[in-house]
Protein backbone atom coordinates (compact mmCIF):
# COMPACT_ATOMS: atom_id res chain seq x y z
CA MET A 1 -0.12 0.07 0.13
CA LYS A 2 2.66 2.40 0.88
CA SER A 3 4.49 1.78 -2.36
CA SER A 4 1.33 2.87 -4.57
CA ILE A 5 0.37 5.61 -2.39
CA SER A 6 4.01 7.08 -2.87
CA PHE A 7 3.76 6.28 -6.71
CA LEU A 8 0.65 8.64 -6.88
CA PHE A 9 1.78 11.33 -4.41
CA VAL A 10 4.52 11.94 -6.80
CA ILE A 11 1.88 12.42 -9.69
CA PHE A 12 0.19 14.58 -7.20
CA ILE A 13 2.64 16.92 -6.43
CA LEU A 14 3.67 17.43 -10.16
CA HIS A 15 0.03 18.25 -11.05
CA LEU A 16 -0.38 20.58 -8.35
CA ILE A 17 2.87 22.47 -9.27
CA VAL A 18 1.82 22.65 -12.91
CA SER A 19 -1.76 23.78 -11.75
CA VAL A 20 -0.60 26.57 -9.93
CA SER A 21 2.01 27.68 -12.26
CA ALA A 22 -0.77 27.76 -14.91
CA GLY A 23 -3.38 29.16 -13.01
CA SER A 24 -5.55 26.20 -13.97
CA GLY A 25 -7.84 26.89 -10.65
CA TYR A 26 -8.49 24.69 -7.66
CA TYR A 27 -9.47 20.84 -7.57
CA GLY A 28 -11.52 20.14 -4.47
CA ASN A 29 -14.81 18.73 -2.91
CA LYS A 30 -17.96 20.51 -1.76
CA GLU A 31 -17.44 19.04 1.59
CA ASN A 32 -13.97 21.11 1.99
CA ASN A 33 -15.96 24.44 1.98
CA ASN A 34 -17.21 25.74 5.56
CA ASP A 35 -20.59 25.89 6.45
CA GLU A 36 -20.95 29.70 5.98
CA ASP A 37 -19.56 29.31 2.34
CA GLN A 38 -22.20 26.59 1.69
CA GLU A 39 -25.06 28.74 2.88
CA THR A 40 -23.91 31.67 0.73
CA SER A 41 -23.26 29.91 -2.40
CA ASN A 42 -22.28 26.80 -4.08
CA ASN A 43 -20.27 28.66 -6.91
CA PRO A 44 -17.02 30.95 -6.68
CA ASN A 45 -17.77 34.67 -5.54
CA LEU A 46 -17.52 36.82 -8.65
CA ASP A 47 -16.55 39.52 -6.45
CA ASP A 48 -13.38 37.47 -5.38
CA LEU A 49 -12.31 37.01 -9.29
CA PRO A 50 -9.82 39.62 -10.57
CA SER A 51 -10.85 42.85 -12.34
CA THR A 52 -8.36 42.29 -15.30
CA LEU A 53 -8.33 39.00 -17.71
CA PRO A 54 -5.48 36.56 -16.93
CA GLU A 55 -3.54 35.31 -19.77
CA PHE A 56 -4.83 32.79 -22.06
CA ASP A 57 -3.38 29.22 -21.67
CA ASP A 58 -1.55 27.33 -24.29
CA ASN A 59 -5.00 26.38 -25.82
CA GLY A 60 -6.40 30.03 -25.97
CA LEU A 61 -8.75 29.39 -23.08
CA SER A 62 -9.20 31.31 -19.93
CA SER A 63 -11.07 30.84 -16.55
CA SER A 64 -12.42 34.33 -16.77
CA TYR A 65 -13.24 34.62 -20.50
CA TYR A 66 -16.75 35.60 -19.75
CA LEU A 67 -15.96 37.94 -16.86
CA LYS A 68 -17.11 40.71 -18.97
CA SER A 69 -19.31 39.65 -21.51
CA CYS A 70 -21.46 37.02 -19.37
CA PRO A 71 -20.40 37.37 -15.74
CA GLU A 72 -23.41 35.27 -14.53
CA ALA A 73 -22.72 32.47 -17.20
CA GLU A 74 -21.26 29.90 -14.31
CA ALA A 75 -24.13 30.58 -11.99
CA ILE A 76 -26.77 30.26 -14.60
CA ILE A 77 -25.31 26.78 -15.71
CA PHE A 78 -25.15 25.77 -12.29
CA ASN A 79 -28.48 26.75 -11.06
CA ILE A 80 -30.27 24.90 -14.09
CA MET A 81 -28.29 21.94 -13.43
CA GLU A 82 -29.38 21.97 -9.86
CA GLU A 83 -32.77 22.31 -10.81
CA TRP A 84 -32.51 19.40 -13.22
CA SER A 85 -30.78 17.22 -10.39
CA THR A 86 -33.89 17.89 -8.37
CA LYS A 87 -36.26 16.37 -10.80
CA ASP A 88 -33.95 13.59 -12.20
CA GLU A 89 -30.48 13.01 -10.30
CA THR A 90 -29.89 10.29 -12.98
CA VAL A 91 -29.35 13.07 -15.38
CA LEU A 92 -25.98 13.86 -13.74
CA PRO A 93 -23.80 11.14 -14.79
CA SER A 94 -25.41 11.26 -17.98
CA ILE A 95 -24.04 14.85 -18.66
CA ILE A 96 -20.52 13.44 -17.80
CA ARG A 97 -20.88 10.80 -20.21
CA LEU A 98 -22.39 13.24 -22.91
CA PHE A 99 -19.18 15.45 -22.49
CA PHE A 100 -16.81 12.41 -22.81
CA HIS A 101 -18.61 11.15 -25.94
CA ASP A 102 -18.18 14.94 -27.33
CA CYS A 103 -14.37 15.20 -26.74
CA VAL A 104 -13.42 11.60 -27.87
CA VAL A 105 -14.89 12.73 -31.49
CA ARG A 106 -13.29 15.78 -33.04
CA GLY A 107 -12.16 17.24 -29.69
CA CYS A 108 -14.66 19.10 -27.30
CA ASP A 109 -16.29 21.09 -29.75
CA ALA A 110 -20.28 20.13 -28.99
CA SER A 111 -20.47 18.07 -32.18
CA ILE A 112 -22.38 15.34 -30.22
CA LEU A 113 -25.24 18.20 -29.82
CA LEU A 114 -25.79 18.75 -33.49
CA ASN A 115 -29.01 17.00 -34.54
CA HIS A 116 -29.41 16.02 -38.01
CA GLU A 117 -29.29 13.07 -39.96
CA GLY A 118 -25.81 11.40 -40.13
CA SER A 119 -24.78 13.23 -37.10
CA GLU A 120 -22.84 11.85 -34.10
CA ARG A 121 -26.10 12.06 -32.19
CA THR A 122 -27.54 9.68 -34.45
CA ALA A 123 -24.76 6.92 -34.24
CA GLU A 124 -25.42 3.51 -32.89
CA ALA A 125 -22.62 4.71 -30.05
CA SER A 126 -24.92 7.61 -28.87
CA LYS A 127 -28.10 5.64 -28.94
CA THR A 128 -28.42 5.68 -25.13
CA LEU A 129 -27.15 9.23 -24.54
CA ARG A 130 -29.20 11.58 -22.58
CA GLY A 131 -29.11 15.22 -21.38
CA PHE A 132 -29.78 16.69 -24.56
CA GLU A 133 -32.54 18.74 -23.06
CA VAL A 134 -30.59 20.07 -20.27
CA ILE A 135 -28.16 21.64 -22.35
CA ASP A 136 -30.82 23.09 -24.60
CA ASP A 137 -32.53 24.65 -21.18
CA ILE A 138 -29.11 26.27 -20.51
CA LYS A 139 -28.51 27.71 -23.80
CA LYS A 140 -31.75 29.04 -23.65
CA ALA A 141 -31.29 30.90 -20.54
CA LEU A 142 -27.96 32.12 -21.74
CA GLU A 143 -29.26 33.42 -25.06
CA GLU A 144 -31.59 35.60 -23.04
CA LYS A 145 -29.12 36.97 -20.74
CA CYS A 146 -26.10 37.26 -23.25
CA PRO A 147 -27.08 36.51 -26.95
CA LYS A 148 -24.55 35.05 -29.16
CA THR A 149 -21.90 34.84 -26.36
CA VAL A 150 -21.55 31.59 -24.50
CA SER A 151 -20.81 28.77 -26.82
CA CYS A 152 -22.26 25.10 -26.47
CA SER A 153 -18.92 23.43 -26.06
CA ASP A 154 -18.20 25.62 -22.98
CA ILE A 155 -21.91 25.12 -21.55
CA LEU A 156 -21.30 21.26 -21.83
CA THR A 157 -18.02 21.48 -20.25
CA ALA A 158 -19.05 23.62 -17.29
CA ALA A 159 -22.31 21.37 -17.00
CA SER A 160 -20.20 18.11 -16.36
CA ARG A 161 -18.14 19.90 -13.71
CA ASP A 162 -21.17 20.60 -12.19
CA ALA A 163 -22.74 17.14 -12.66
CA THR A 164 -19.89 16.04 -10.98
CA HIS A 165 -20.28 18.35 -7.87
CA LEU A 166 -23.59 17.92 -7.44
CA LEU A 167 -23.05 14.14 -6.91
CA LYS A 168 -20.52 15.14 -4.22
CA GLY A 169 -17.60 14.94 -6.24
CA PRO A 170 -14.53 17.42 -6.78
CA TYR A 171 -15.08 21.12 -8.12
CA TRP A 172 -12.58 22.50 -10.47
CA MET A 173 -12.12 25.68 -12.31
CA VAL A 174 -13.05 25.47 -15.86
CA PRO A 175 -11.04 27.52 -18.74
CA TYR A 176 -13.57 28.97 -21.23
CA GLY A 177 -13.14 30.30 -24.82
CA ARG A 178 -14.04 27.31 -26.72
CA LYS A 179 -16.18 27.52 -30.06
CA ASP A 180 -18.44 25.25 -31.49
CA GLY A 181 -17.79 22.95 -34.24
CA LYS A 182 -19.65 22.70 -37.43
CA VAL A 183 -19.21 19.07 -38.85
CA SER A 184 -20.62 15.95 -37.03
CA ASN A 185 -20.50 12.40 -38.38
CA ALA A 186 -21.98 9.29 -37.21
CA LYS A 187 -19.56 7.22 -38.68
CA GLU A 188 -16.68 8.87 -36.87
CA ALA A 189 -18.66 8.42 -33.36
CA ASP A 190 -19.08 4.78 -34.04
CA ASP A 191 -15.48 4.16 -35.11
CA LEU A 192 -14.12 5.96 -31.95
CA VAL A 193 -16.62 6.02 -28.78
CA PRO A 194 -15.63 3.13 -26.42
CA MET A 195 -18.46 0.70 -26.06
CA GLY A 196 -17.31 -1.23 -23.01
CA HIS A 197 -15.70 -4.23 -24.57
CA GLU A 198 -12.45 -2.93 -25.91
CA SER A 199 -8.82 -4.32 -24.88
CA TYR A 200 -6.84 -2.21 -22.52
CA THR A 201 -4.47 -1.70 -25.16
CA SER A 202 -7.01 -0.17 -27.71
CA LEU A 203 -8.47 1.86 -24.91
CA LEU A 204 -4.94 3.21 -24.21
CA GLU A 205 -4.22 4.01 -27.81
CA LEU A 206 -7.43 5.98 -28.15
CA PHE A 207 -6.50 7.92 -25.02
CA GLN A 208 -3.08 8.63 -26.43
CA SER A 209 -4.28 9.87 -29.44
CA MET A 210 -5.97 12.69 -27.56
CA GLY A 211 -2.97 13.76 -25.69
CA LEU A 212 -4.18 11.69 -22.49
CA ASN A 213 -2.08 9.16 -20.63
CA VAL A 214 -2.64 6.16 -18.24
CA LEU A 215 -3.24 7.99 -15.54
CA ASP A 216 -5.81 9.95 -17.12
CA LEU A 217 -7.52 6.65 -18.42
CA VAL A 218 -7.95 5.19 -15.26
CA VAL A 219 -9.04 8.05 -13.56
CA LEU A 220 -11.79 9.03 -16.32
CA GLN A 221 -13.05 5.26 -16.30
CA GLY A 222 -13.76 6.20 -12.62
CA ALA A 223 -16.56 8.45 -13.52
CA HIS A 224 -18.19 4.95 -13.60
CA THR A 225 -18.51 5.38 -9.97
CA VAL A 226 -22.20 6.54 -11.05
CA GLY A 227 -24.72 6.16 -13.51
CA ARG A 228 -25.73 3.10 -15.56
CA ALA A 229 -25.39 1.02 -18.61
CA THR A 230 -27.98 -1.04 -20.69
CA CYS A 231 -28.00 -4.52 -20.12
CA GLY A 232 -27.31 -5.01 -23.95
CA SER A 233 -23.78 -3.62 -23.24
CA ILE A 234 -22.89 -6.63 -21.08
CA GLN A 235 -25.11 -9.65 -22.38
CA GLU A 236 -22.36 -11.02 -24.51
CA ARG A 237 -20.02 -10.72 -21.47
CA ILE A 238 -22.53 -12.66 -19.30
CA TYR A 239 -23.79 -15.19 -21.77
CA ASN A 240 -21.48 -15.71 -24.26
CA TYR A 241 -18.16 -14.32 -23.73
CA ASN A 242 -15.83 -14.36 -26.54
CA GLY A 243 -17.88 -16.86 -28.13
CA THR A 244 -17.57 -19.68 -25.35
CA GLY A 245 -20.99 -19.73 -24.51
CA GLN A 246 -20.32 -18.81 -21.07
CA ALA A 247 -19.76 -15.83 -18.97
CA ASP A 248 -16.35 -14.32 -18.56
CA LYS A 249 -14.58 -16.09 -15.82
CA CYS A 250 -13.46 -12.78 -14.23
CA ILE A 251 -16.56 -11.72 -12.87
CA ASP A 252 -17.53 -12.29 -9.20
CA LYS A 253 -19.87 -15.59 -9.21
CA GLN A 254 -22.71 -13.85 -7.06
CA TYR A 255 -22.43 -10.77 -8.91
CA LEU A 256 -22.81 -12.98 -12.15
CA ASN A 257 -25.85 -14.33 -10.74
CA TYR A 258 -27.27 -10.94 -9.94
CA LEU A 259 -26.29 -9.98 -13.47
CA THR A 260 -28.12 -12.61 -15.26
CA ARG A 261 -31.03 -12.26 -13.38
CA LYS A 262 -31.18 -8.23 -13.92
CA CYS A 263 -30.22 -8.67 -17.80
CA ARG A 264 -32.56 -10.99 -19.28
CA TRP A 265 -33.69 -8.09 -21.35
CA ALA A 266 -31.28 -5.57 -23.29
CA SER A 267 -33.21 -2.86 -22.70
CA GLU A 268 -33.13 -3.05 -18.80
CA TYR A 269 -30.66 -0.83 -16.93
CA VAL A 270 -27.79 -1.70 -14.41
CA ASP A 271 -25.86 0.42 -12.21
CA LEU A 272 -22.17 0.76 -13.16
CA ASP A 273 -21.41 0.69 -9.33
CA PRO A 274 -23.56 -1.66 -7.51
CA ILE A 275 -22.52 -0.77 -4.01
CA THR A 276 -22.94 3.11 -4.05
CA PRO A 277 -24.56 3.63 -7.50
CA ASN A 278 -25.78 7.42 -6.67
CA LYS A 279 -22.53 8.84 -5.00
CA PHE A 280 -19.35 9.91 -6.63
CA ASP A 281 -16.68 8.00 -4.68
CA ALA A 282 -13.79 5.73 -4.99
CA MET A 283 -16.06 2.41 -4.39
CA TYR A 284 -15.74 1.72 -8.10
CA PHE A 285 -12.02 1.05 -7.67
CA LYS A 286 -12.73 -1.27 -4.88
CA ASN A 287 -15.34 -3.23 -6.77
CA ILE A 288 -12.80 -4.13 -9.52
CA LEU A 289 -9.88 -4.78 -7.29
CA ASP A 290 -11.18 -6.48 -4.39
CA LYS A 291 -14.53 -8.10 -5.60
CA ASN A 292 -13.97 -8.36 -9.33
CA MET A 293 -17.24 -6.63 -9.78
CA GLY A 294 -16.40 -4.47 -12.88
CA LEU A 295 -19.60 -4.11 -15.03
CA LEU A 296 -17.90 -3.53 -18.21
CA ALA A 297 -15.14 -5.79 -19.61
CA THR A 298 -13.20 -2.22 -19.87
CA ASP A 299 -13.90 -1.57 -16.34
CA GLN A 300 -12.08 -4.94 -14.96
CA ALA A 301 -9.36 -4.52 -17.68
CA LEU A 302 -7.97 -1.81 -15.28
CA THR A 303 -6.35 -4.63 -13.02
CA SER A 304 -4.97 -6.30 -16.05
CA THR A 305 -1.47 -4.34 -16.03
CA ILE A 306 0.78 -3.82 -13.26
CA SER A 307 0.51 0.22 -13.75
CA THR A 308 -3.19 0.43 -13.79
CA SER A 309 -3.80 -2.06 -10.83
CA LYS A 310 -1.07 0.21 -8.89
CA LEU A 311 -3.33 3.18 -9.58
CA VAL A 312 -6.48 1.40 -8.96
CA SER A 313 -5.20 0.23 -5.52
CA THR A 314 -4.04 3.73 -4.73
CA PHE A 315 -7.20 5.18 -5.42
CA VAL A 316 -8.85 2.63 -3.02
CA ASN A 317 -6.47 3.63 -0.23
CA ALA A 318 -6.40 7.17 -0.58
CA PRO A 319 -9.90 8.37 -2.50
CA THR A 320 -9.06 12.07 -1.97
CA LEU A 321 -6.51 11.45 -4.49
CA PHE A 322 -8.95 10.35 -6.78
CA ASP A 323 -11.11 13.59 -6.23
CA TYR A 324 -8.15 15.59 -6.94
CA GLN A 325 -7.06 13.63 -10.00
CA PHE A 326 -10.27 13.40 -11.46
CA GLY A 327 -10.67 17.18 -11.70
CA ALA A 328 -7.44 17.59 -13.30
CA SER A 329 -7.99 14.61 -15.95
CA MET A 330 -11.27 16.04 -16.65
CA ASN A 331 -9.76 19.72 -17.11
CA LYS A 332 -7.25 18.20 -19.41
CA LEU A 333 -9.63 16.42 -21.34
CA SER A 334 -11.63 19.46 -21.92
CA LYS A 335 -8.83 20.90 -23.72
CA VAL A 336 -8.59 18.36 -26.24
CA LYS A 337 -8.49 19.64 -29.99
CA VAL A 338 -10.64 22.62 -28.80
CA LEU A 339 -11.55 25.28 -31.47
CA THR A 340 -10.95 28.92 -30.60
CA GLY A 341 -11.30 32.29 -32.49
CA ASP A 342 -12.38 32.13 -36.14
CA GLU A 343 -11.89 28.02 -35.95
CA GLY A 344 -15.69 27.72 -35.06
CA GLU A 345 -18.56 29.34 -34.22
CA VAL A 346 -20.96 30.24 -30.73
CA ARG A 347 -24.18 28.50 -31.98
CA THR A 348 -27.30 30.65 -30.75
CA ASN A 349 -29.18 26.82 -30.94
CA CYS A 350 -26.96 23.97 -29.73
CA ASN A 351 -28.96 21.75 -32.11
CA LEU A 352 -27.74 23.32 -35.32
CA VAL A 353 -25.17 25.39 -36.80
CA ASN A 354 -25.89 28.78 -37.21
CA SER A 355 -26.36 29.16 -41.07
CA ASN A 356 -29.24 26.85 -40.61
CA HIS A 357 -31.62 29.10 -38.75
CA TYR A 358 -30.34 32.58 -39.35
């Protein structure tokens, strides 16, 4: 245990140095705030922000991008996310998943939100995605307050952070200034988005193609501590793994018995974390390390290599480090192939490129 904690502690210090020097913001947990702060606001106080804009980062983004043009943007996004969560808490992990799907294809450009024939949204890989109406509600409110200012890609990025926070997970500062893409292709989504049965090697290659590493891979899969999957995504694993006519032998026997009873129909849903499905915590890692209870093959695959197993073990023994690193890795993901300046546009309707409805 000591060696694994030391391993991640080095990573922790390195990331802390980088985040402070780059001004990338605080990564922490809601519980770290004092009671008075919680009663006052769940969001940073705008009065505490600097009066002058900081320098843009290497991706052309800034945490104070909307400070003058739409200072209430973050508050509007958070408030609508909170309203939706009181009606349907399951929408929170869906927003995190929607954000990941967006960034995998063409980078974080809100291409997943475009709704037309042959778009990413119509892909087989996207058929169980949810949360589009939440983003639409946020966009409508922002257009009323700050017309043609806040991009859909920035909205989705901030919403994924707020979703994590509302699930009692970490909070981190989001840099803004992304522009929205104009191209969305279903085939690209089907070719790129992981579906839960890929090998560890292919997953790592995907993450590396986005400028992410092994640590990011393990941490971001930790988002499976919340949310659900369709039974259709695991039926092959529990009934006919690799064409054997049997279940994957890696699955805990009691857990397998539960899954075979639960997943007789592909349309049913099953929790990704069977122990604490509605709480953002490190139980996901404990499930796969100690109990062989990874729902997807890609979940259990995190114990298949020495490097990933060490990280999983570390997060089990030091869950606070998982919280910290999740914010850091989500921030890193949010900068993948972003469009800035004239490379994209600020859609006034997240479902359509501007030329379609002006």
